[in-house]
Amino acid sequence: MVVSYIAIRRAIGLSGLLLPIVLGLGGLAIGVPIQDNISSYYHTPMRDIFVGTMSAIGIFFLCYRGVDWIESWTANIGCVAALCVALCPLDANSDPLFQKSIVGYLHTFSGGVFFLMLAFYSLVHFPRSGDEFDEPHLWERRFIYRTSGTVILLSMLAMGGYMVFIPTAWKQWLNDWNFLFWMECIAVWAFAAAWLTKGHAIVAEIGVELLSIPTRMLKRS
């Protein structure tokens, strides 16, 4: 039970870590340029990787059980959101905020719910005490969780500002640099860091030493 509990966390984190890398580099390797956002890879030859990875993340969330019913239901919401992102594609060559179909709007809504759920895990569920598998280095792990959640929320705010408030000329300039794609990558990598930490796949000794310096200084003072 312990192995499967930690393994699911690692599988979720590893899937998030690899998805942007495989889509970006894998796409470039076969002639697919960096897309405006991660969801746009659905309309490229990388579709199966995008759909398969998001579906796998959804199934992992379905199998995941938290420390209480609230965390378990959060995982269920994450499952539904991930599957909707995978199976309800964004309209091709479109702004996520302005879709041509109900399916496209469902994708945009599900993507927002998915990222909010990831932030909720990092900021609320993971930092709570009571999980014996978080020992040792509990302080360092909580620092990573809260930092990851904050980064996810800031990325969402940046993407929302880009879609709603940025003037058209600036928006076009940011589009040329694939702004949404990189913001989504940052959010996904932040979520991966939290889940890999929760699964004890990261927080190596060097990282622990660096993160524990403030704690040791406080104890000395």
N, C-alpha and C. Protein backbone atom coordinates (compact mmCIF):
# COMPACT_ATOMS: atom_id res chain seq x y z
N MET A 1 0.82 -1.20 0.00
CA MET A 1 0.00 0.00 0.00
C MET A 1 0.86 1.26 0.00
N VAL A 2 1.95 1.23 0.78
CA VAL A 2 2.83 2.39 0.83
C VAL A 2 3.49 2.62 -0.52
N VAL A 3 3.95 1.56 -1.15
CA VAL A 3 4.61 1.68 -2.44
C VAL A 3 3.66 2.26 -3.48
N SER A 4 2.44 1.75 -3.54
CA SER A 4 1.49 2.24 -4.53
C SER A 4 1.09 3.68 -4.25
N TYR A 5 0.97 4.05 -2.98
CA TYR A 5 0.58 5.40 -2.58
C TYR A 5 1.61 6.40 -3.07
N ILE A 6 2.89 6.11 -2.85
CA ILE A 6 3.97 7.00 -3.28
C ILE A 6 4.15 6.92 -4.79
N ALA A 7 3.99 5.73 -5.37
CA ALA A 7 4.20 5.55 -6.81
C ALA A 7 3.22 6.39 -7.63
N ILE A 8 1.97 6.48 -7.18
CA ILE A 8 0.98 7.29 -7.91
C ILE A 8 1.39 8.76 -7.90
N ARG A 9 1.88 9.23 -6.75
CA ARG A 9 2.34 10.61 -6.67
C ARG A 9 3.49 10.85 -7.66
N ARG A 10 4.41 9.90 -7.69
CA ARG A 10 5.54 10.04 -8.61
C ARG A 10 5.08 9.98 -10.07
N ALA A 11 4.14 9.12 -10.36
CA ALA A 11 3.65 8.99 -11.74
C ALA A 11 2.97 10.28 -12.19
N ILE A 12 2.18 10.90 -11.31
CA ILE A 12 1.53 12.17 -11.64
C ILE A 12 2.58 13.24 -11.89
N GLY A 13 3.55 13.35 -10.98
CA GLY A 13 4.59 14.36 -11.12
C GLY A 13 5.44 14.15 -12.35
N LEU A 14 5.83 12.90 -12.62
CA LEU A 14 6.68 12.61 -13.78
C LEU A 14 5.94 12.89 -15.09
N SER A 15 4.65 12.57 -15.12
CA SER A 15 3.86 12.85 -16.32
C SER A 15 3.83 14.34 -16.62
N GLY A 16 3.62 15.15 -15.57
CA GLY A 16 3.61 16.60 -15.76
C GLY A 16 4.96 17.14 -16.15
N LEU A 17 6.01 16.58 -15.57
CA LEU A 17 7.37 17.04 -15.88
C LEU A 17 7.72 16.80 -17.34
N LEU A 18 7.36 15.63 -17.86
CA LEU A 18 7.79 15.24 -19.20
C LEU A 18 6.89 15.77 -20.31
N LEU A 19 5.62 16.05 -20.00
CA LEU A 19 4.68 16.43 -21.07
C LEU A 19 5.16 17.61 -21.91
N PRO A 20 5.49 18.78 -21.31
CA PRO A 20 5.93 19.90 -22.16
C PRO A 20 7.23 19.61 -22.89
N ILE A 21 8.13 18.84 -22.25
CA ILE A 21 9.42 18.53 -22.87
C ILE A 21 9.22 17.65 -24.10
N VAL A 22 8.42 16.60 -23.94
CA VAL A 22 8.20 15.67 -25.05
C VAL A 22 7.44 16.36 -26.19
N LEU A 23 6.43 17.16 -25.84
CA LEU A 23 5.68 17.86 -26.88
C LEU A 23 6.56 18.86 -27.61
N GLY A 24 7.29 19.67 -26.84
CA GLY A 24 8.12 20.71 -27.45
C GLY A 24 9.27 20.15 -28.27
N LEU A 25 10.12 19.36 -27.63
CA LEU A 25 11.31 18.83 -28.31
C LEU A 25 10.92 17.76 -29.33
N GLY A 26 9.96 16.90 -28.95
CA GLY A 26 9.52 15.86 -29.87
C GLY A 26 8.88 16.46 -31.10
N GLY A 27 8.09 17.52 -30.90
CA GLY A 27 7.48 18.18 -32.03
C GLY A 27 8.51 18.81 -32.96
N LEU A 28 9.50 19.49 -32.37
CA LEU A 28 10.55 20.10 -33.19
C LEU A 28 11.31 19.04 -33.98
N ALA A 29 11.49 17.88 -33.37
CA ALA A 29 12.25 16.81 -34.03
C ALA A 29 11.55 16.30 -35.29
N ILE A 30 10.23 16.41 -35.33
CA ILE A 30 9.50 15.92 -36.52
C ILE A 30 8.94 17.08 -37.35
N GLY A 31 9.42 18.29 -37.05
CA GLY A 31 9.03 19.44 -37.85
C GLY A 31 7.82 20.20 -37.38
N VAL A 32 7.36 19.95 -36.15
CA VAL A 32 6.22 20.69 -35.60
C VAL A 32 6.77 21.86 -34.78
N PRO A 33 6.49 23.10 -35.15
CA PRO A 33 7.01 24.24 -34.39
C PRO A 33 6.35 24.33 -33.01
N ILE A 34 6.96 25.09 -32.11
CA ILE A 34 6.36 25.33 -30.80
C ILE A 34 4.99 25.96 -31.01
N GLN A 35 3.98 25.39 -30.37
CA GLN A 35 2.61 25.86 -30.54
C GLN A 35 2.29 27.03 -29.62
N ASP A 36 1.16 27.69 -29.90
CA ASP A 36 0.74 28.83 -29.07
C ASP A 36 0.48 28.41 -27.63
N ASN A 37 0.01 27.19 -27.42
CA ASN A 37 -0.21 26.67 -26.08
C ASN A 37 -0.12 25.14 -26.15
N ILE A 38 -0.04 24.51 -25.00
CA ILE A 38 0.12 23.06 -24.95
C ILE A 38 -1.07 22.35 -25.60
N SER A 39 -2.27 22.88 -25.39
CA SER A 39 -3.47 22.23 -25.93
C SER A 39 -3.49 22.21 -27.45
N SER A 40 -2.79 23.15 -28.09
CA SER A 40 -2.79 23.20 -29.55
C SER A 40 -2.07 22.02 -30.17
N TYR A 41 -1.29 21.29 -29.37
CA TYR A 41 -0.62 20.11 -29.91
C TYR A 41 -1.63 19.02 -30.28
N TYR A 42 -2.86 19.17 -29.82
CA TYR A 42 -3.91 18.22 -30.22
C TYR A 42 -4.08 18.21 -31.74
N HIS A 43 -3.85 19.34 -32.37
CA HIS A 43 -4.06 19.47 -33.81
C HIS A 43 -2.77 19.27 -34.59
N THR A 44 -1.81 18.57 -34.00
CA THR A 44 -0.55 18.26 -34.67
C THR A 44 -0.32 16.74 -34.59
N PRO A 45 0.74 16.24 -35.23
CA PRO A 45 1.05 14.81 -35.11
C PRO A 45 1.39 14.36 -33.68
N MET A 46 1.55 15.33 -32.76
CA MET A 46 1.83 15.00 -31.35
C MET A 46 0.55 14.76 -30.56
N ARG A 47 -0.58 14.68 -31.23
CA ARG A 47 -1.89 14.56 -30.56
C ARG A 47 -1.92 13.37 -29.60
N ASP A 48 -1.46 12.22 -30.04
CA ASP A 48 -1.57 11.01 -29.21
C ASP A 48 -0.81 11.16 -27.90
N ILE A 49 0.34 11.84 -27.94
CA ILE A 49 1.12 12.04 -26.72
C ILE A 49 0.37 12.97 -25.77
N PHE A 50 -0.20 14.05 -26.31
CA PHE A 50 -0.95 14.98 -25.47
C PHE A 50 -2.17 14.30 -24.84
N VAL A 51 -2.98 13.65 -25.68
CA VAL A 51 -4.19 13.00 -25.18
C VAL A 51 -3.84 11.86 -24.23
N GLY A 52 -2.84 11.05 -24.60
CA GLY A 52 -2.47 9.91 -23.77
C GLY A 52 -1.95 10.32 -22.41
N THR A 53 -1.10 11.36 -22.37
CA THR A 53 -0.53 11.80 -21.10
C THR A 53 -1.59 12.41 -20.20
N MET A 54 -2.45 13.28 -20.75
CA MET A 54 -3.51 13.89 -19.93
C MET A 54 -4.50 12.84 -19.46
N SER A 55 -4.79 11.85 -20.29
CA SER A 55 -5.68 10.77 -19.86
C SER A 55 -5.04 9.96 -18.74
N ALA A 56 -3.74 9.70 -18.86
CA ALA A 56 -3.03 8.95 -17.81
C ALA A 56 -3.05 9.72 -16.50
N ILE A 57 -2.82 11.05 -16.58
CA ILE A 57 -2.88 11.87 -15.36
C ILE A 57 -4.27 11.79 -14.74
N GLY A 58 -5.30 11.82 -15.59
CA GLY A 58 -6.66 11.70 -15.07
C GLY A 58 -6.90 10.38 -14.37
N ILE A 59 -6.40 9.29 -14.94
CA ILE A 59 -6.58 7.97 -14.31
C ILE A 59 -5.79 7.88 -13.01
N PHE A 60 -4.59 8.47 -13.00
CA PHE A 60 -3.80 8.48 -11.76
C PHE A 60 -4.56 9.21 -10.66
N PHE A 61 -5.19 10.33 -11.01
CA PHE A 61 -5.97 11.06 -10.01
C PHE A 61 -7.17 10.24 -9.55
N LEU A 62 -7.78 9.49 -10.46
CA LEU A 62 -8.91 8.65 -10.08
C LEU A 62 -8.48 7.60 -9.06
N CYS A 63 -7.28 7.07 -9.23
CA CYS A 63 -6.77 6.03 -8.32
C CYS A 63 -6.23 6.60 -7.02
N TYR A 64 -5.95 7.90 -7.00
CA TYR A 64 -5.32 8.52 -5.84
C TYR A 64 -6.32 8.70 -4.71
N ARG A 65 -5.90 8.40 -3.51
CA ARG A 65 -6.72 8.60 -2.33
C ARG A 65 -5.94 9.43 -1.32
N GLY A 66 -6.53 10.55 -0.91
CA GLY A 66 -5.86 11.45 0.02
C GLY A 66 -6.03 11.03 1.46
N VAL A 67 -5.62 11.92 2.35
CA VAL A 67 -5.69 11.61 3.78
C VAL A 67 -7.10 11.76 4.32
N ASP A 68 -7.99 12.45 3.58
CA ASP A 68 -9.38 12.58 4.00
C ASP A 68 -10.27 12.66 2.76
N TRP A 69 -11.59 12.74 2.98
CA TRP A 69 -12.52 12.72 1.85
C TRP A 69 -12.40 13.98 0.99
N ILE A 70 -12.00 15.10 1.60
CA ILE A 70 -11.85 16.33 0.83
C ILE A 70 -10.74 16.18 -0.21
N GLU A 71 -9.61 15.64 0.23
CA GLU A 71 -8.50 15.45 -0.70
C GLU A 71 -8.85 14.42 -1.78
N SER A 72 -9.58 13.39 -1.39
CA SER A 72 -9.97 12.38 -2.37
C SER A 72 -10.91 12.96 -3.42
N TRP A 73 -11.86 13.81 -2.98
CA TRP A 73 -12.78 14.43 -3.93
C TRP A 73 -12.06 15.46 -4.81
N THR A 74 -11.04 16.10 -4.25
CA THR A 74 -10.22 17.00 -5.08
C THR A 74 -9.56 16.22 -6.20
N ALA A 75 -9.08 15.02 -5.88
CA ALA A 75 -8.48 14.15 -6.90
C ALA A 75 -9.51 13.75 -7.95
N ASN A 76 -10.74 13.48 -7.52
CA ASN A 76 -11.79 13.13 -8.48
C ASN A 76 -12.08 14.29 -9.44
N ILE A 77 -12.10 15.51 -8.89
CA ILE A 77 -12.30 16.68 -9.74
C ILE A 77 -11.14 16.82 -10.72
N GLY A 78 -9.92 16.57 -10.22
CA GLY A 78 -8.76 16.61 -11.10
C GLY A 78 -8.84 15.58 -12.21
N CYS A 79 -9.38 14.42 -11.88
CA CYS A 79 -9.55 13.36 -12.89
C CYS A 79 -10.49 13.83 -14.00
N VAL A 80 -11.66 14.34 -13.63
CA VAL A 80 -12.64 14.78 -14.63
C VAL A 80 -12.06 15.92 -15.46
N ALA A 81 -11.39 16.89 -14.81
CA ALA A 81 -10.83 18.03 -15.53
C ALA A 81 -9.76 17.58 -16.51
N ALA A 82 -8.87 16.68 -16.08
CA ALA A 82 -7.79 16.20 -16.95
C ALA A 82 -8.36 15.45 -18.15
N LEU A 83 -9.37 14.62 -17.93
CA LEU A 83 -9.97 13.87 -19.03
C LEU A 83 -10.70 14.80 -20.01
N CYS A 84 -11.34 15.84 -19.50
CA CYS A 84 -12.01 16.81 -20.38
C CYS A 84 -10.98 17.58 -21.21
N VAL A 85 -9.85 17.93 -20.59
CA VAL A 85 -8.79 18.60 -21.34
C VAL A 85 -8.29 17.70 -22.46
N ALA A 86 -8.17 16.40 -22.17
CA ALA A 86 -7.64 15.45 -23.15
C ALA A 86 -8.64 15.16 -24.27
N LEU A 87 -9.90 15.01 -23.92
CA LEU A 87 -10.89 14.50 -24.88
C LEU A 87 -11.77 15.57 -25.50
N CYS A 88 -11.73 16.80 -24.96
CA CYS A 88 -12.51 17.91 -25.53
C CYS A 88 -11.51 18.95 -26.04
N PRO A 89 -11.12 18.85 -27.30
CA PRO A 89 -10.02 19.68 -27.81
C PRO A 89 -10.37 21.15 -27.93
N LEU A 90 -9.33 21.96 -27.79
CA LEU A 90 -9.43 23.39 -28.08
C LEU A 90 -9.62 23.55 -29.59
N ASP A 91 -10.43 24.53 -30.00
CA ASP A 91 -10.60 24.77 -31.43
C ASP A 91 -9.26 25.14 -32.06
N ALA A 92 -9.04 24.64 -33.26
CA ALA A 92 -7.76 24.88 -33.95
C ALA A 92 -7.57 26.36 -34.25
N ASN A 93 -6.32 26.82 -34.06
CA ASN A 93 -5.94 28.21 -34.37
C ASN A 93 -6.86 29.23 -33.71
N SER A 94 -7.10 29.04 -32.41
CA SER A 94 -8.05 29.92 -31.72
C SER A 94 -7.44 30.44 -30.43
N ASP A 95 -8.01 31.54 -29.96
CA ASP A 95 -7.69 32.09 -28.65
C ASP A 95 -8.47 31.28 -27.63
N PRO A 96 -7.82 30.77 -26.58
CA PRO A 96 -8.55 29.95 -25.59
C PRO A 96 -9.78 30.65 -25.00
N LEU A 97 -9.74 31.99 -24.98
CA LEU A 97 -10.85 32.72 -24.40
C LEU A 97 -12.03 32.85 -25.36
N PHE A 98 -11.78 32.72 -26.66
CA PHE A 98 -12.83 32.87 -27.67
C PHE A 98 -12.84 31.64 -28.56
N GLN A 99 -13.74 30.73 -28.24
CA GLN A 99 -13.85 29.48 -28.97
C GLN A 99 -15.04 29.50 -29.93
N LYS A 100 -15.03 28.58 -30.86
CA LYS A 100 -16.10 28.49 -31.85
C LYS A 100 -17.12 27.40 -31.50
N SER A 101 -16.81 26.59 -30.50
CA SER A 101 -17.69 25.46 -30.18
C SER A 101 -17.82 25.30 -28.68
N ILE A 102 -18.86 24.59 -28.28
CA ILE A 102 -19.06 24.28 -26.86
C ILE A 102 -17.91 23.41 -26.34
N VAL A 103 -17.46 22.49 -27.18
CA VAL A 103 -16.35 21.61 -26.81
C VAL A 103 -15.10 22.44 -26.50
N GLY A 104 -14.85 23.47 -27.32
CA GLY A 104 -13.70 24.33 -27.08
C GLY A 104 -13.80 25.08 -25.77
N TYR A 105 -14.99 25.61 -25.48
CA TYR A 105 -15.18 26.31 -24.21
C TYR A 105 -15.07 25.35 -23.02
N LEU A 106 -15.54 24.11 -23.20
CA LEU A 106 -15.42 23.11 -22.14
C LEU A 106 -13.95 22.82 -21.87
N HIS A 107 -13.14 22.80 -22.93
CA HIS A 107 -11.70 22.59 -22.77
C HIS A 107 -11.08 23.73 -21.95
N THR A 108 -11.40 24.96 -22.32
CA THR A 108 -10.84 26.12 -21.61
C THR A 108 -11.25 26.10 -20.14
N PHE A 109 -12.54 25.84 -19.87
CA PHE A 109 -13.02 25.79 -18.49
C PHE A 109 -12.33 24.66 -17.71
N SER A 110 -12.21 23.50 -18.33
CA SER A 110 -11.58 22.35 -17.66
C SER A 110 -10.11 22.62 -17.38
N GLY A 111 -9.44 23.30 -18.31
CA GLY A 111 -8.04 23.65 -18.08
C GLY A 111 -7.89 24.56 -16.88
N GLY A 112 -8.78 25.55 -16.74
CA GLY A 112 -8.73 26.43 -15.57
C GLY A 112 -8.97 25.68 -14.28
N VAL A 113 -9.96 24.78 -14.29
CA VAL A 113 -10.25 23.96 -13.10
C VAL A 113 -9.07 23.08 -12.76
N PHE A 114 -8.44 22.50 -13.77
CA PHE A 114 -7.30 21.62 -13.55
C PHE A 114 -6.15 22.35 -12.87
N PHE A 115 -5.80 23.53 -13.37
CA PHE A 115 -4.71 24.29 -12.77
C PHE A 115 -5.07 24.76 -11.35
N LEU A 116 -6.32 25.15 -11.13
CA LEU A 116 -6.74 25.55 -9.78
C LEU A 116 -6.65 24.38 -8.82
N MET A 117 -7.04 23.20 -9.28
CA MET A 117 -6.95 22.01 -8.45
C MET A 117 -5.49 21.71 -8.09
N LEU A 118 -4.59 21.87 -9.05
CA LEU A 118 -3.17 21.62 -8.78
C LEU A 118 -2.64 22.62 -7.74
N ALA A 119 -3.04 23.88 -7.88
CA ALA A 119 -2.62 24.89 -6.91
C ALA A 119 -3.18 24.58 -5.52
N PHE A 120 -4.42 24.11 -5.48
CA PHE A 120 -5.06 23.77 -4.21
C PHE A 120 -4.30 22.65 -3.50
N TYR A 121 -3.88 21.65 -4.28
CA TYR A 121 -3.09 20.57 -3.69
C TYR A 121 -1.80 21.11 -3.09
N SER A 122 -1.11 21.96 -3.85
CA SER A 122 0.20 22.46 -3.41
C SER A 122 0.08 23.38 -2.20
N LEU A 123 -0.97 24.19 -2.15
CA LEU A 123 -1.09 25.19 -1.09
C LEU A 123 -1.87 24.70 0.12
N VAL A 124 -2.76 23.74 -0.06
CA VAL A 124 -3.63 23.32 1.04
C VAL A 124 -3.37 21.87 1.47
N HIS A 125 -3.51 20.94 0.55
CA HIS A 125 -3.43 19.52 0.93
C HIS A 125 -2.02 19.10 1.34
N PHE A 126 -1.04 19.36 0.48
CA PHE A 126 0.30 18.84 0.72
C PHE A 126 0.99 19.41 1.96
N PRO A 127 0.86 20.73 2.26
CA PRO A 127 1.58 21.25 3.42
C PRO A 127 1.04 20.79 4.77
N ARG A 128 -0.16 20.21 4.78
CA ARG A 128 -0.75 19.80 6.06
C ARG A 128 0.08 18.70 6.71
N SER A 129 0.14 18.74 8.01
CA SER A 129 0.83 17.69 8.75
C SER A 129 -0.07 16.46 8.82
N GLY A 130 0.49 15.36 9.29
CA GLY A 130 -0.30 14.15 9.46
C GLY A 130 0.06 13.05 8.50
N ASP A 131 0.87 13.36 7.47
CA ASP A 131 1.32 12.34 6.53
C ASP A 131 2.71 11.90 6.95
N GLU A 132 2.81 10.70 7.50
CA GLU A 132 4.10 10.24 8.02
C GLU A 132 5.14 10.07 6.93
N PHE A 133 4.70 9.96 5.68
CA PHE A 133 5.64 9.78 4.58
C PHE A 133 6.35 11.09 4.24
N ASP A 134 5.91 12.21 4.81
CA ASP A 134 6.57 13.48 4.54
C ASP A 134 7.86 13.65 5.34
N GLU A 135 8.06 12.84 6.35
CA GLU A 135 9.28 12.92 7.12
C GLU A 135 10.39 12.17 6.41
N PRO A 136 11.65 12.61 6.47
CA PRO A 136 12.14 13.80 7.16
C PRO A 136 12.04 15.03 6.27
N HIS A 137 12.65 16.13 6.73
CA HIS A 137 12.72 17.38 5.97
C HIS A 137 11.34 17.96 5.70
N LEU A 138 10.49 17.95 6.70
CA LEU A 138 9.12 18.42 6.52
C LEU A 138 9.08 19.89 6.15
N TRP A 139 9.92 20.71 6.79
CA TRP A 139 9.92 22.15 6.50
C TRP A 139 10.28 22.40 5.05
N GLU A 140 11.32 21.72 4.57
CA GLU A 140 11.76 21.92 3.19
C GLU A 140 10.68 21.51 2.19
N ARG A 141 10.00 20.40 2.49
CA ARG A 141 8.94 19.95 1.60
C ARG A 141 7.79 20.95 1.55
N ARG A 142 7.40 21.48 2.70
CA ARG A 142 6.33 22.48 2.71
C ARG A 142 6.73 23.73 1.94
N PHE A 143 8.00 24.09 2.02
CA PHE A 143 8.48 25.24 1.25
C PHE A 143 8.30 25.00 -0.24
N ILE A 144 8.62 23.81 -0.72
CA ILE A 144 8.47 23.48 -2.13
C ILE A 144 7.00 23.47 -2.52
N TYR A 145 6.13 22.89 -1.67
CA TYR A 145 4.70 22.85 -1.97
C TYR A 145 4.13 24.26 -2.15
N ARG A 146 4.43 25.13 -1.19
CA ARG A 146 3.85 26.48 -1.23
C ARG A 146 4.43 27.29 -2.37
N THR A 147 5.71 27.10 -2.63
CA THR A 147 6.31 27.80 -3.77
C THR A 147 5.68 27.32 -5.07
N SER A 148 5.47 26.02 -5.21
CA SER A 148 4.86 25.47 -6.42
C SER A 148 3.45 26.01 -6.61
N GLY A 149 2.66 26.01 -5.54
CA GLY A 149 1.30 26.53 -5.63
C GLY A 149 1.26 27.99 -6.01
N THR A 150 2.16 28.77 -5.43
CA THR A 150 2.23 30.20 -5.74
C THR A 150 2.60 30.42 -7.20
N VAL A 151 3.56 29.65 -7.69
CA VAL A 151 3.98 29.77 -9.09
C VAL A 151 2.82 29.42 -10.03
N ILE A 152 2.05 28.39 -9.69
CA ILE A 152 0.90 28.01 -10.52
C ILE A 152 -0.11 29.15 -10.58
N LEU A 153 -0.43 29.74 -9.43
CA LEU A 153 -1.40 30.85 -9.40
C LEU A 153 -0.88 32.06 -10.16
N LEU A 154 0.40 32.40 -9.99
CA LEU A 154 0.97 33.54 -10.71
C LEU A 154 0.96 33.30 -12.22
N SER A 155 1.23 32.05 -12.62
CA SER A 155 1.17 31.72 -14.04
C SER A 155 -0.24 31.87 -14.58
N MET A 156 -1.23 31.44 -13.79
CA MET A 156 -2.62 31.58 -14.20
C MET A 156 -3.00 33.06 -14.33
N LEU A 157 -2.55 33.88 -13.38
CA LEU A 157 -2.83 35.32 -13.45
C LEU A 157 -2.19 35.93 -14.68
N ALA A 158 -0.96 35.51 -14.99
CA ALA A 158 -0.27 36.03 -16.17
C ALA A 158 -1.03 35.63 -17.45
N MET A 159 -1.49 34.39 -17.50
CA MET A 159 -2.23 33.94 -18.68
C MET A 159 -3.57 34.65 -18.79
N GLY A 160 -4.24 34.84 -17.65
CA GLY A 160 -5.51 35.56 -17.67
C GLY A 160 -5.34 37.00 -18.10
N GLY A 161 -4.30 37.66 -17.58
CA GLY A 161 -4.01 39.03 -17.98
C GLY A 161 -3.71 39.14 -19.46
N TYR A 162 -2.96 38.16 -19.94
CA TYR A 162 -2.62 38.14 -21.37
C TYR A 162 -3.88 38.03 -22.24
N MET A 163 -4.80 37.17 -21.86
CA MET A 163 -5.98 36.93 -22.69
C MET A 163 -7.02 38.03 -22.57
N VAL A 164 -7.08 38.70 -21.41
CA VAL A 164 -8.18 39.65 -21.16
C VAL A 164 -7.74 41.11 -21.28
N PHE A 165 -6.56 41.46 -20.74
CA PHE A 165 -6.21 42.87 -20.58
C PHE A 165 -5.14 43.39 -21.53
N ILE A 166 -4.32 42.51 -22.07
CA ILE A 166 -3.20 42.97 -22.90
C ILE A 166 -3.72 43.53 -24.24
N PRO A 167 -3.24 44.71 -24.65
CA PRO A 167 -3.64 45.26 -25.96
C PRO A 167 -3.26 44.32 -27.10
N THR A 168 -3.97 44.44 -28.20
CA THR A 168 -3.79 43.52 -29.33
C THR A 168 -2.35 43.52 -29.84
N ALA A 169 -1.74 44.70 -29.94
CA ALA A 169 -0.37 44.79 -30.46
C ALA A 169 0.61 44.04 -29.56
N TRP A 170 0.49 44.23 -28.24
CA TRP A 170 1.36 43.51 -27.29
C TRP A 170 1.07 42.03 -27.33
N LYS A 171 -0.20 41.70 -27.47
CA LYS A 171 -0.60 40.30 -27.50
C LYS A 171 0.05 39.58 -28.68
N GLN A 172 0.08 40.25 -29.83
CA GLN A 172 0.70 39.66 -31.01
C GLN A 172 2.19 39.47 -30.80
N TRP A 173 2.82 40.45 -30.15
CA TRP A 173 4.26 40.35 -29.87
C TRP A 173 4.53 39.18 -28.93
N LEU A 174 3.73 39.04 -27.87
CA LEU A 174 3.90 37.93 -26.94
C LEU A 174 3.59 36.60 -27.62
N ASN A 175 2.64 36.62 -28.54
CA ASN A 175 2.29 35.41 -29.29
C ASN A 175 3.48 34.90 -30.09
N ASP A 176 4.25 35.85 -30.62
CA ASP A 176 5.42 35.46 -31.41
C ASP A 176 6.44 34.70 -30.56
N TRP A 177 6.40 34.92 -29.26
CA TRP A 177 7.31 34.22 -28.33
C TRP A 177 6.62 33.07 -27.61
N ASN A 178 5.42 32.69 -28.08
CA ASN A 178 4.67 31.55 -27.51
C ASN A 178 4.45 31.73 -26.01
N PHE A 179 3.96 32.91 -25.64
CA PHE A 179 3.81 33.27 -24.23
C PHE A 179 2.97 32.26 -23.46
N LEU A 180 1.79 31.90 -24.00
CA LEU A 180 0.90 30.97 -23.30
C LEU A 180 1.57 29.60 -23.11
N PHE A 181 2.26 29.15 -24.13
CA PHE A 181 2.93 27.85 -24.04
C PHE A 181 3.93 27.84 -22.88
N TRP A 182 4.75 28.87 -22.77
CA TRP A 182 5.77 28.89 -21.72
C TRP A 182 5.16 29.09 -20.34
N MET A 183 4.09 29.88 -20.24
CA MET A 183 3.42 30.03 -18.95
C MET A 183 2.82 28.71 -18.50
N GLU A 184 2.23 27.98 -19.45
CA GLU A 184 1.67 26.67 -19.11
C GLU A 184 2.79 25.70 -18.71
N CYS A 185 3.92 25.78 -19.39
CA CYS A 185 5.05 24.92 -19.03
C CYS A 185 5.49 25.20 -17.60
N ILE A 186 5.61 26.48 -17.25
CA ILE A 186 6.04 26.85 -15.89
C ILE A 186 5.06 26.30 -14.86
N ALA A 187 3.75 26.46 -15.14
CA ALA A 187 2.73 25.97 -14.20
C ALA A 187 2.78 24.45 -14.08
N VAL A 188 2.94 23.77 -15.21
CA VAL A 188 2.98 22.30 -15.19
C VAL A 188 4.24 21.80 -14.48
N TRP A 189 5.38 22.46 -14.70
CA TRP A 189 6.60 22.03 -14.03
C TRP A 189 6.53 22.31 -12.52
N ALA A 190 5.85 23.40 -12.14
CA ALA A 190 5.67 23.68 -10.72
C ALA A 190 4.82 22.58 -10.07
N PHE A 191 3.74 22.20 -10.75
CA PHE A 191 2.91 21.12 -10.23
C PHE A 191 3.70 19.81 -10.15
N ALA A 192 4.54 19.55 -11.16
CA ALA A 192 5.36 18.33 -11.14
C ALA A 192 6.32 18.33 -9.96
N ALA A 193 6.91 19.50 -9.66
CA ALA A 193 7.85 19.58 -8.54
C ALA A 193 7.16 19.22 -7.22
N ALA A 194 5.92 19.72 -7.05
CA ALA A 194 5.19 19.43 -5.81
C ALA A 194 4.88 17.94 -5.68
N TRP A 195 4.41 17.32 -6.77
CA TRP A 195 4.03 15.91 -6.71
C TRP A 195 5.24 15.00 -6.60
N LEU A 196 6.34 15.35 -7.25
CA LEU A 196 7.55 14.54 -7.12
C LEU A 196 8.13 14.66 -5.72
N THR A 197 8.00 15.85 -5.12
CA THR A 197 8.44 16.01 -3.74
C THR A 197 7.57 15.18 -2.81
N LYS A 198 6.26 15.23 -3.03
CA LYS A 198 5.34 14.45 -2.20
C LYS A 198 5.59 12.95 -2.38
N GLY A 199 6.05 12.55 -3.55
CA GLY A 199 6.36 11.15 -3.81
C GLY A 199 7.78 10.77 -3.46
N HIS A 200 8.51 11.70 -2.81
CA HIS A 200 9.88 11.44 -2.37
C HIS A 200 10.82 11.13 -3.54
N ALA A 201 10.50 11.69 -4.72
CA ALA A 201 11.38 11.47 -5.87
C ALA A 201 12.42 12.56 -5.98
N ILE A 202 12.17 13.74 -5.35
CA ILE A 202 13.16 14.80 -5.33
C ILE A 202 13.33 15.28 -3.90
N VAL A 203 14.06 16.35 -3.69
CA VAL A 203 14.61 16.83 -2.43
C VAL A 203 15.84 15.98 -2.12
N ALA A 204 16.82 16.10 -3.01
CA ALA A 204 18.09 15.41 -2.81
C ALA A 204 18.86 16.06 -1.69
N GLU A 205 19.93 15.42 -1.29
CA GLU A 205 20.68 15.90 -0.13
C GLU A 205 21.20 17.31 -0.35
N ILE A 206 21.69 17.63 -1.58
CA ILE A 206 22.20 18.97 -1.81
C ILE A 206 21.09 20.00 -1.66
N GLY A 207 19.92 19.69 -2.28
CA GLY A 207 18.80 20.60 -2.18
C GLY A 207 18.34 20.77 -0.75
N VAL A 208 18.34 19.68 0.00
CA VAL A 208 17.92 19.73 1.39
C VAL A 208 18.86 20.62 2.19
N GLU A 209 20.16 20.49 1.93
CA GLU A 209 21.13 21.30 2.65
C GLU A 209 20.92 22.78 2.38
N LEU A 210 20.67 23.13 1.12
CA LEU A 210 20.46 24.53 0.77
C LEU A 210 19.19 25.07 1.40
N LEU A 211 18.12 24.28 1.34
CA LEU A 211 16.84 24.73 1.88
C LEU A 211 16.84 24.78 3.40
N SER A 212 17.69 23.99 4.04
CA SER A 212 17.68 23.92 5.50
C SER A 212 18.53 25.01 6.14
N ILE A 213 19.26 25.80 5.33
CA ILE A 213 20.10 26.86 5.90
C ILE A 213 19.28 27.86 6.71
N PRO A 214 18.11 28.37 6.18
CA PRO A 214 17.31 29.30 6.99
C PRO A 214 16.85 28.68 8.30
N THR A 215 16.51 27.41 8.29
CA THR A 215 16.06 26.74 9.51
C THR A 215 17.17 26.70 10.54
N ARG A 216 18.39 26.33 10.11
CA ARG A 216 19.51 26.26 11.04
C ARG A 216 19.85 27.63 11.60
N MET A 217 19.73 28.67 10.76
CA MET A 217 20.03 30.02 11.23
C MET A 217 19.03 30.46 12.30
N LEU A 218 17.75 30.10 12.07
CA LEU A 218 16.73 30.46 13.06
C LEU A 218 16.96 29.74 14.38
N LYS A 219 17.37 28.46 14.31
CA LYS A 219 17.62 27.70 15.54
C LYS A 219 18.79 28.29 16.31
N ARG A 220 19.83 28.72 15.60
CA ARG A 220 20.98 29.30 16.27
C ARG A 220 20.66 30.63 16.94
N SER A 221 19.77 31.39 16.25
CA SER A 221 19.40 32.69 16.84
C SER A 221 18.46 32.53 18.02
